[in-house]
Amino acid sequence: MGATWTSTLGRVAFINCDPLYHRLSSDWSILSAPPSWLTGHVLRRDCILAPIPAADYAKHSDELILLPDIGIGSQGEVGSVLLFGGVPLESMKTIALPSDSATSVALLKHLISKKGHTINYISTGPDYDSMMAIADGALLIGDRALEAAREFPEMVQMDLGTAWMKEEGLPMIFGVFVARKDTPKPLLLAAHTSLLENLVQFENESSKRHDVIQWSMEKSGLTYERLDQYYGEVFNRLNNHHLDGLFCFLKQACGMTDEPEFAWL
C-alpha cells in the first residue's frame, strides 16, 4: 500500500512568502510554521512541499528534492536577516542565535569565519530584548528583524544579504522549496503551479501587489511603504544566477559536496 498524501502546503510563519500564498486556491490547506519546523513537517509527510532553510536542505538532501523557480532570496540587502549589537561586529565576543533558521545561523558563522573573528555563540529563543541581555550581538530573522530594525535602527550592525553579496558577489538564497523524493510528481506539479500562478499575478498586476502588501501589513504592523520596499529587497522567483548563489552557499557555508537535485527543470 502506498503512502497517504495530504493536500497541505507548508508556509513559513513570516511575510516573506506572502506573494506566493495570498488567496491561494481553496484546493490547498496551509500549514504555517517557523522555517526550521517545516523541514520536519515535509519529512513526515505533513505537507506536500514547503519553503525551508537552505541549510536544512543541505542536511537532508538524501531525502529531499528541490523545486525550481521559487524560493526566498535577496540580491544584496535583505532587510529581514540582521545582526544587531550595541558595539560593532569587530568588538563582539558573544552573539545570540535564534533557533528558527539554520540558514541565517550558517551564513553568519561563515561570514564571521571569513573575517577571522572568534565568537562565542549562544542559542536561544528569537526575542530581541532577552538576546541582547545575554550577548553583545543578536541575530534576528523575518518579521522580528524588521520590527527590531524599526524600533532600534541604530543597533543594526550587519545585513547578512549585503554582507554575502560583498563577500561572494552572488545573490543569497535563504529559503528553498522542497518535497520528499517520493512525492507523487502530479501532486507536486499541481501544488507548484498554484504557487507560481500567484507569484506571476504579484509580479504583473499592481492590484495583486497592493492586496499582498495590505495583507502583510495586517500581520506585521509594518507600514505600506516599508513593505513595498521589502518586496523589492526579497524575491521569490529564482533564475539561474540566483541558483549560482544557492549552490555557492550550500558548498561554502554548509559543506555540501553532492550536486543539488531538482524535481524537474
Protein backbone atom coordinates (compact mmCIF):
# COMPACT_ATOMS: atom_id res chain seq x y z
CA MET A 1 0.00 0.00 0.00
CA GLY A 2 1.39 3.43 -0.95
CA ALA A 3 1.85 6.37 1.38
CA THR A 4 -1.09 8.67 2.01
CA TRP A 5 -0.52 12.26 0.89
CA THR A 6 -2.38 15.32 2.14
CA SER A 7 -3.44 18.40 0.17
CA THR A 8 -1.49 20.59 2.59
CA LEU A 9 1.25 23.06 1.63
CA GLY A 10 3.76 24.30 4.16
CA ARG A 11 4.24 28.03 4.62
CA VAL A 12 6.72 29.99 6.72
CA ALA A 13 5.16 31.95 9.57
CA PHE A 14 6.77 35.15 8.24
CA ILE A 15 5.70 37.53 5.49
CA ASN A 16 8.46 36.67 3.02
CA CYS A 17 6.30 34.16 1.11
CA ASP A 18 3.07 36.19 1.12
CA PRO A 19 3.23 36.82 -2.67
CA LEU A 20 3.01 33.05 -3.18
CA TYR A 21 0.30 32.24 -0.63
CA HIS A 22 -2.05 35.24 -0.74
CA ARG A 23 -5.56 33.98 -1.61
CA LEU A 24 -4.21 30.62 -2.68
CA SER A 25 -6.77 28.28 -4.20
CA SER A 26 -9.06 26.60 -1.67
CA ASP A 27 -7.91 23.28 -3.14
CA TRP A 28 -5.00 23.55 -0.73
CA SER A 29 -4.75 23.63 3.04
CA ILE A 30 -1.93 25.67 4.57
CA LEU A 31 0.34 24.63 7.44
CA SER A 32 2.09 27.71 8.84
CA ALA A 33 5.21 27.23 10.96
CA PRO A 34 8.74 28.59 11.53
CA PRO A 35 11.14 27.64 8.70
CA SER A 36 13.07 25.02 10.68
CA TRP A 37 9.84 23.33 11.81
CA LEU A 38 8.69 22.96 8.21
CA THR A 39 11.66 20.72 7.47
CA GLY A 40 10.28 18.11 9.87
CA HIS A 41 6.75 18.54 8.53
CA VAL A 42 7.91 17.76 4.98
CA LEU A 43 9.94 14.75 6.10
CA ARG A 44 6.91 13.39 7.99
CA ARG A 45 4.58 13.95 5.01
CA ASP A 46 2.52 16.52 6.94
CA CYS A 47 2.65 18.66 3.79
CA ILE A 48 3.42 18.18 0.11
CA LEU A 49 6.04 20.89 -0.13
CA ALA A 50 7.35 23.78 1.94
CA PRO A 51 9.94 26.54 2.00
CA ILE A 52 12.70 25.50 4.40
CA PRO A 53 16.13 26.92 5.30
CA ALA A 54 18.64 26.21 2.54
CA ALA A 55 20.97 24.81 5.21
CA ASP A 56 18.32 22.25 6.18
CA TYR A 57 18.13 21.10 2.56
CA ALA A 58 21.90 20.51 2.64
CA LYS A 59 21.45 18.41 5.78
CA HIS A 60 18.61 16.30 4.36
CA SER A 61 19.44 16.27 0.63
CA ASP A 62 19.37 12.46 0.62
CA GLU A 63 15.62 12.60 1.37
CA LEU A 64 14.53 15.91 -0.16
CA ILE A 65 14.33 17.34 -3.64
CA LEU A 66 14.36 20.98 -4.73
CA LEU A 67 11.55 22.66 -6.65
CA PRO A 68 12.58 25.01 -9.46
CA ASP A 69 11.55 28.65 -9.96
CA ILE A 70 10.59 29.59 -6.39
CA GLY A 71 12.41 30.32 -3.14
CA ILE A 72 13.33 33.17 -0.78
CA GLY A 73 16.31 35.27 -1.80
CA SER A 74 17.92 38.69 -1.97
CA GLN A 75 20.22 40.44 -4.41
CA GLY A 76 22.17 42.23 -1.71
CA GLU A 77 20.21 43.90 1.10
CA VAL A 78 17.56 41.60 2.53
CA GLY A 79 16.25 43.77 5.40
CA SER A 80 14.97 40.82 7.43
CA VAL A 81 18.13 38.90 8.33
CA LEU A 82 20.04 41.25 10.59
CA LEU A 83 22.77 41.23 13.21
CA PHE A 84 22.04 43.71 16.00
CA GLY A 85 24.51 44.93 18.59
CA GLY A 86 25.47 47.78 20.86
CA VAL A 87 29.04 47.54 19.54
CA PRO A 88 30.47 46.90 16.04
CA LEU A 89 30.95 43.29 14.96
CA GLU A 90 34.72 43.59 15.40
CA SER A 91 34.19 44.24 19.13
CA MET A 92 31.66 41.48 19.76
CA LYS A 93 32.66 38.50 21.86
CA THR A 94 29.24 36.81 22.14
CA ILE A 95 26.31 36.58 19.71
CA ALA A 96 22.87 35.15 20.50
CA LEU A 97 21.49 32.97 17.70
CA PRO A 98 17.81 32.19 17.04
CA SER A 99 16.61 28.61 16.87
CA ASP A 100 14.24 29.13 13.94
CA SER A 101 16.52 29.36 10.87
CA ALA A 102 19.54 27.19 10.18
CA THR A 103 20.43 29.15 7.04
CA SER A 104 20.89 32.51 8.76
CA VAL A 105 22.97 30.91 11.50
CA ALA A 106 25.18 29.08 8.99
CA LEU A 107 25.54 32.25 6.92
CA LEU A 108 26.54 34.40 9.90
CA LYS A 109 29.11 31.85 11.08
CA HIS A 110 30.51 31.62 7.55
CA LEU A 111 30.82 35.40 7.18
CA ILE A 112 32.45 35.80 10.58
CA SER A 113 34.88 32.93 9.95
CA LYS A 114 35.98 34.66 6.73
CA LYS A 115 36.86 37.71 8.85
CA GLY A 116 38.92 35.59 11.23
CA HIS A 117 36.92 36.57 14.33
CA THR A 118 36.45 34.25 17.30
CA ILE A 119 32.90 34.45 18.65
CA ASN A 120 31.09 32.60 21.43
CA TYR A 121 27.65 31.70 20.08
CA ILE A 122 24.62 31.25 22.34
CA SER A 123 21.49 29.54 21.00
CA THR A 124 18.26 30.98 22.39
CA GLY A 125 14.73 31.99 21.55
CA PRO A 126 14.30 34.76 18.94
CA ASP A 127 13.48 37.68 21.25
CA TYR A 128 15.44 40.92 20.84
CA ASP A 129 15.41 42.05 24.48
CA SER A 130 16.37 38.71 26.01
CA MET A 131 19.04 38.07 23.38
CA MET A 132 20.67 41.45 23.87
CA ALA A 133 20.58 40.93 27.65
CA ILE A 134 22.91 37.92 27.42
CA ALA A 135 25.15 38.74 24.44
CA ASP A 136 26.96 41.55 22.63
CA GLY A 137 25.01 40.84 19.47
CA ALA A 138 21.76 39.19 18.36
CA LEU A 139 20.82 37.61 15.05
CA LEU A 140 17.16 38.01 14.11
CA ILE A 141 15.24 37.00 11.00
CA GLY A 142 11.86 37.61 9.42
CA ASP A 143 9.22 39.83 10.95
CA ARG A 144 11.14 40.10 14.23
CA ALA A 145 14.16 41.52 12.42
CA LEU A 146 12.02 44.04 10.55
CA GLU A 147 10.29 45.12 13.76
CA ALA A 148 13.55 45.43 15.72
CA ALA A 149 15.13 47.44 12.90
CA ARG A 150 12.16 49.81 13.01
CA GLU A 151 12.47 50.26 16.79
CA PHE A 152 16.28 50.21 17.09
CA PRO A 153 17.76 51.25 13.72
CA GLU A 154 20.99 52.40 15.36
CA MET A 155 21.62 48.84 16.62
CA VAL A 156 21.77 47.20 13.17
CA GLN A 157 25.39 46.13 12.61
CA MET A 158 25.05 43.87 9.58
CA ASP A 159 22.52 42.98 6.88
CA LEU A 160 23.55 39.42 6.03
CA GLY A 161 22.30 39.62 2.46
CA THR A 162 24.50 42.65 1.80
CA ALA A 163 27.47 41.02 3.55
CA TRP A 164 27.14 37.84 1.45
CA MET A 165 26.96 39.86 -1.76
CA LYS A 166 30.12 41.76 -0.80
CA GLU A 167 31.92 38.53 0.09
CA GLU A 168 30.86 36.29 -2.81
CA GLY A 169 29.42 38.65 -5.43
CA LEU A 170 26.29 36.49 -5.67
CA PRO A 171 22.65 36.61 -4.55
CA MET A 172 21.81 34.91 -1.27
CA ILE A 173 19.07 32.28 -1.26
CA PHE A 174 17.86 31.88 2.30
CA GLY A 175 14.94 29.53 1.69
CA VAL A 176 14.26 26.79 -0.83
CA PHE A 177 11.06 24.96 -1.67
CA VAL A 178 11.44 21.23 -1.17
CA ALA A 179 9.48 17.99 -1.21
CA ARG A 180 10.25 14.42 -0.31
CA LYS A 181 11.80 12.48 -3.16
CA ASP A 182 8.92 10.01 -3.09
CA THR A 183 6.21 12.69 -3.52
CA PRO A 184 3.96 11.82 -6.49
CA LYS A 185 5.03 14.12 -9.31
CA PRO A 186 1.49 15.06 -10.50
CA LEU A 187 0.64 16.24 -6.97
CA LEU A 188 3.87 18.19 -6.77
CA LEU A 189 3.33 19.79 -10.17
CA ALA A 190 -0.18 20.88 -9.21
CA ALA A 191 0.98 22.48 -5.94
CA HIS A 192 3.94 24.18 -7.62
CA THR A 193 1.69 25.54 -10.39
CA SER A 194 -0.72 27.10 -7.89
CA LEU A 195 2.09 28.89 -6.07
CA LEU A 196 3.73 30.06 -9.28
CA GLU A 197 0.46 31.40 -10.67
CA ASN A 198 0.07 33.52 -7.55
CA LEU A 199 3.60 34.83 -7.95
CA VAL A 200 3.01 35.74 -11.59
CA GLN A 201 -0.02 37.80 -10.57
CA PHE A 202 2.01 39.56 -7.88
CA GLU A 203 4.74 40.38 -10.39
CA ASN A 204 2.43 41.65 -13.12
CA GLU A 205 -0.73 43.07 -11.52
CA SER A 206 -0.48 46.22 -9.41
CA SER A 207 -3.77 45.39 -7.70
CA LYS A 208 -2.44 42.00 -6.60
CA ARG A 209 0.75 43.59 -5.26
CA HIS A 210 -1.35 46.13 -3.36
CA ASP A 211 -3.52 43.38 -1.85
CA VAL A 212 -0.48 41.35 -0.77
CA ILE A 213 1.07 44.38 0.92
CA GLN A 214 -2.20 45.14 2.72
CA TRP A 215 -2.36 41.51 3.89
CA SER A 216 1.23 41.69 5.13
CA MET A 217 0.50 44.96 6.94
CA GLU A 218 -2.26 43.31 8.96
CA LYS A 219 0.09 40.57 10.13
CA SER A 220 3.31 42.50 10.65
CA GLY A 221 2.31 46.00 11.74
CA LEU A 222 4.81 47.45 9.24
CA THR A 223 3.90 50.41 7.04
CA TYR A 224 2.82 50.13 3.43
CA GLU A 225 5.96 51.98 2.33
CA ARG A 226 8.30 49.65 4.24
CA LEU A 227 6.62 46.54 2.86
CA ASP A 228 6.64 47.92 -0.67
CA GLN A 229 10.40 48.37 -0.24
CA TYR A 230 10.75 44.96 1.40
CA TYR A 231 9.21 43.18 -1.58
CA GLY A 232 11.94 44.76 -3.68
CA GLU A 233 14.64 43.51 -1.31
CA VAL A 234 13.28 39.97 -1.01
CA PHE A 235 12.17 37.97 -4.03
CA ASN A 236 10.51 34.60 -4.56
CA ARG A 237 11.36 33.88 -8.21
CA LEU A 238 14.68 32.14 -8.78
CA ASN A 239 16.68 32.18 -12.03
CA ASN A 240 20.00 30.55 -12.92
CA HIS A 241 22.02 33.43 -11.46
CA HIS A 242 20.20 33.03 -8.14
CA LEU A 243 20.92 29.31 -8.23
CA ASP A 244 24.62 30.08 -8.60
CA GLY A 245 24.34 31.90 -5.26
CA LEU A 246 22.45 28.98 -3.72
CA PHE A 247 24.97 26.39 -4.88
CA CYS A 248 27.85 28.54 -3.60
CA PHE A 249 26.20 28.82 -0.18
CA LEU A 250 25.47 25.10 0.02
CA LYS A 251 29.10 24.31 -0.75
CA GLN A 252 30.94 27.09 1.09
CA ALA A 253 28.80 27.53 4.22
CA CYS A 254 27.10 24.12 4.54
CA GLY A 255 29.84 21.82 3.30
CA MET A 256 27.51 20.09 0.83
CA THR A 257 29.51 18.00 -1.65
CA ASP A 258 26.73 16.31 -3.67
CA GLU A 259 25.04 18.07 -6.57
CA PRO A 260 21.64 19.55 -5.62
CA GLU A 261 18.78 17.58 -7.15
CA PHE A 262 15.64 19.16 -8.65
CA ALA A 263 12.21 17.60 -9.08
CA TRP A 264 12.36 18.78 -12.71
CA LEU A 265 13.99 21.58 -14.71
